[in-house]
């Protein structure tokens, strides 16, 4: 598994994932969209995004390559 998500990208994914997960606390049907927050959180923790891999994107810095 090749890491293709840089530090800034991981930080943004973590914040987005936590924001989406906070929807689980709201009443109504919108709370189920909160489960989508697991996707950016998982890719931030693992450091690999399958979509980036398909598109050939790598957000790590030059020194990390």
N, C-alpha and C. Protein backbone atom coordinates (compact mmCIF):
# COMPACT_ATOMS: atom_id res chain seq x y z
N UNK A 1 0.85 -1.17 0.00
CA UNK A 1 0.00 0.00 0.00
C UNK A 1 0.90 1.24 0.00
N UNK A 2 0.76 2.05 -1.02
CA UNK A 2 1.59 3.23 -1.17
C UNK A 2 0.85 4.46 -0.63
N UNK A 3 1.53 5.20 0.23
CA UNK A 3 0.94 6.41 0.82
C UNK A 3 0.92 7.51 -0.24
N UNK A 4 -0.25 8.12 -0.43
CA UNK A 4 -0.38 9.19 -1.42
C UNK A 4 -1.12 10.40 -0.88
N UNK A 5 -1.28 10.49 0.44
CA UNK A 5 -1.99 11.61 1.07
C UNK A 5 -1.01 12.34 1.97
N UNK A 6 -0.79 13.62 1.71
CA UNK A 6 0.15 14.42 2.48
C UNK A 6 -0.44 14.92 3.79
N UNK A 7 0.39 15.62 4.57
CA UNK A 7 -0.01 16.08 5.89
C UNK A 7 -1.20 17.04 5.85
N UNK A 8 -1.14 18.04 4.98
CA UNK A 8 -2.23 19.02 4.89
C UNK A 8 -3.51 18.36 4.44
N UNK A 9 -3.40 17.46 3.49
CA UNK A 9 -4.56 16.72 3.00
C UNK A 9 -5.17 15.87 4.12
N UNK A 10 -4.32 15.24 4.92
CA UNK A 10 -4.81 14.44 6.05
C UNK A 10 -5.54 15.31 7.08
N UNK A 11 -4.98 16.49 7.33
CA UNK A 11 -5.60 17.40 8.28
C UNK A 11 -6.99 17.83 7.80
N UNK A 12 -7.09 18.18 6.53
CA UNK A 12 -8.39 18.58 5.97
C UNK A 12 -9.37 17.43 5.99
N UNK A 13 -8.92 16.24 5.64
CA UNK A 13 -9.80 15.07 5.65
C UNK A 13 -10.29 14.76 7.07
N UNK A 14 -9.41 14.93 8.06
CA UNK A 14 -9.80 14.68 9.44
C UNK A 14 -10.87 15.67 9.89
N UNK A 15 -10.67 16.95 9.58
CA UNK A 15 -11.66 17.96 9.97
C UNK A 15 -12.99 17.73 9.25
N UNK A 16 -12.93 17.41 7.97
CA UNK A 16 -14.16 17.14 7.21
C UNK A 16 -14.87 15.91 7.76
N UNK A 17 -14.12 14.86 8.05
CA UNK A 17 -14.71 13.64 8.60
C UNK A 17 -15.38 13.88 9.93
N UNK A 18 -14.73 14.63 10.80
CA UNK A 18 -15.33 14.92 12.11
C UNK A 18 -16.56 15.81 11.98
N UNK A 19 -16.51 16.75 11.04
CA UNK A 19 -17.69 17.61 10.81
C UNK A 19 -18.87 16.79 10.31
N UNK A 20 -18.61 15.86 9.40
CA UNK A 20 -19.70 15.01 8.91
C UNK A 20 -20.21 14.08 10.00
N UNK A 21 -19.31 13.54 10.80
CA UNK A 21 -19.74 12.66 11.89
C UNK A 21 -20.58 13.40 12.92
N UNK A 22 -20.38 14.70 13.05
CA UNK A 22 -21.18 15.47 14.00
C UNK A 22 -22.65 15.52 13.58
N UNK A 23 -22.92 15.25 12.30
CA UNK A 23 -24.32 15.19 11.84
C UNK A 23 -25.09 14.04 12.50
N UNK A 24 -24.37 13.06 13.02
CA UNK A 24 -25.04 11.95 13.69
C UNK A 24 -25.78 12.42 14.94
N UNK A 25 -25.40 13.56 15.47
CA UNK A 25 -26.03 14.08 16.68
C UNK A 25 -27.29 14.89 16.40
N UNK A 26 -27.56 15.17 15.13
CA UNK A 26 -28.73 15.98 14.78
C UNK A 26 -29.94 15.10 14.56
N UNK A 27 -31.14 15.60 14.83
CA UNK A 27 -32.34 14.81 14.59
C UNK A 27 -32.70 14.83 13.10
N UNK A 28 -33.44 13.83 12.69
CA UNK A 28 -33.91 13.79 11.31
C UNK A 28 -33.08 12.88 10.43
N UNK A 29 -33.40 12.91 9.14
CA UNK A 29 -32.74 12.03 8.19
C UNK A 29 -31.34 12.49 7.81
N UNK A 30 -31.02 13.76 8.03
CA UNK A 30 -29.70 14.27 7.66
C UNK A 30 -28.59 13.60 8.46
N UNK A 31 -28.94 13.03 9.59
CA UNK A 31 -27.91 12.42 10.43
C UNK A 31 -27.25 11.22 9.78
N UNK A 32 -27.94 10.56 8.86
CA UNK A 32 -27.36 9.41 8.19
C UNK A 32 -26.24 9.80 7.24
N UNK A 33 -26.24 11.06 6.80
CA UNK A 33 -25.13 11.54 5.98
C UNK A 33 -23.85 11.63 6.82
N UNK A 34 -24.00 11.65 8.10
CA UNK A 34 -22.85 11.67 8.99
C UNK A 34 -21.96 10.45 8.86
N UNK A 35 -22.55 9.34 8.45
CA UNK A 35 -21.75 8.13 8.27
C UNK A 35 -20.74 8.28 7.13
N UNK A 36 -21.01 9.19 6.22
CA UNK A 36 -20.05 9.45 5.13
C UNK A 36 -18.74 10.01 5.68
N UNK A 37 -18.78 10.53 6.89
CA UNK A 37 -17.57 11.05 7.52
C UNK A 37 -16.53 9.98 7.81
N UNK A 38 -16.94 8.73 7.80
CA UNK A 38 -16.00 7.65 8.03
C UNK A 38 -15.01 7.49 6.88
N UNK A 39 -15.43 7.87 5.67
CA UNK A 39 -14.57 7.71 4.50
C UNK A 39 -13.35 8.64 4.57
N UNK A 40 -13.55 9.97 4.73
CA UNK A 40 -12.34 10.81 4.83
C UNK A 40 -11.51 10.51 6.07
N UNK A 41 -12.14 10.11 7.16
CA UNK A 41 -11.37 9.76 8.36
C UNK A 41 -10.51 8.53 8.11
N UNK A 42 -11.06 7.53 7.46
CA UNK A 42 -10.30 6.31 7.19
C UNK A 42 -9.12 6.58 6.26
N UNK A 43 -9.33 7.38 5.22
CA UNK A 43 -8.24 7.68 4.30
C UNK A 43 -7.18 8.55 4.97
N UNK A 44 -7.57 9.38 5.93
CA UNK A 44 -6.60 10.19 6.66
C UNK A 44 -5.75 9.32 7.58
N UNK A 45 -6.37 8.36 8.23
CA UNK A 45 -5.64 7.49 9.16
C UNK A 45 -4.69 6.58 8.40
N UNK A 46 -5.16 6.00 7.30
CA UNK A 46 -4.36 5.05 6.54
C UNK A 46 -3.31 5.77 5.70
N UNK A 47 -3.64 6.97 5.21
CA UNK A 47 -2.70 7.73 4.39
C UNK A 47 -2.75 7.38 2.92
N UNK A 48 -3.73 6.61 2.52
CA UNK A 48 -3.87 6.19 1.13
C UNK A 48 -5.30 6.40 0.67
N UNK A 49 -5.45 7.08 -0.47
CA UNK A 49 -6.77 7.32 -1.04
C UNK A 49 -6.87 6.54 -2.34
N UNK A 50 -7.81 5.60 -2.44
CA UNK A 50 -7.94 4.80 -3.67
C UNK A 50 -8.27 5.65 -4.90
N UNK A 51 -9.05 6.70 -4.73
CA UNK A 51 -9.39 7.56 -5.85
C UNK A 51 -8.15 8.30 -6.35
N UNK A 52 -7.33 8.77 -5.43
CA UNK A 52 -6.07 9.43 -5.81
C UNK A 52 -5.19 8.46 -6.60
N UNK A 53 -5.18 7.23 -6.16
CA UNK A 53 -4.35 6.22 -6.83
C UNK A 53 -4.82 6.00 -8.27
N UNK A 54 -6.12 5.92 -8.47
CA UNK A 54 -6.66 5.75 -9.82
C UNK A 54 -6.33 6.93 -10.72
N UNK A 55 -6.35 8.13 -10.14
CA UNK A 55 -6.11 9.35 -10.91
C UNK A 55 -4.63 9.72 -10.99
N UNK A 56 -3.79 9.02 -10.26
CA UNK A 56 -2.36 9.31 -10.26
C UNK A 56 -1.99 10.56 -9.48
N UNK A 57 -2.78 10.90 -8.47
CA UNK A 57 -2.54 12.09 -7.65
C UNK A 57 -1.74 11.69 -6.41
N UNK A 58 -0.78 12.55 -6.05
CA UNK A 58 0.01 12.34 -4.83
C UNK A 58 0.18 13.71 -4.18
N UNK A 59 -0.34 13.89 -2.97
CA UNK A 59 -0.31 15.20 -2.32
C UNK A 59 0.82 15.32 -1.30
N UNK A 60 1.71 14.34 -1.25
CA UNK A 60 2.87 14.47 -0.37
C UNK A 60 3.85 15.47 -0.96
N UNK A 61 4.69 16.02 -0.14
CA UNK A 61 5.69 16.96 -0.61
C UNK A 61 6.78 16.28 -1.43
N UNK A 62 7.61 17.06 -2.08
CA UNK A 62 8.68 16.49 -2.90
C UNK A 62 9.67 15.69 -2.09
N UNK A 63 9.96 16.14 -0.86
CA UNK A 63 10.94 15.44 -0.02
C UNK A 63 10.45 14.06 0.40
N UNK A 64 9.13 13.88 0.51
CA UNK A 64 8.56 12.61 0.96
C UNK A 64 8.58 11.55 -0.14
N UNK A 65 8.74 11.96 -1.35
CA UNK A 65 8.71 10.99 -2.47
C UNK A 65 10.03 10.37 -2.61
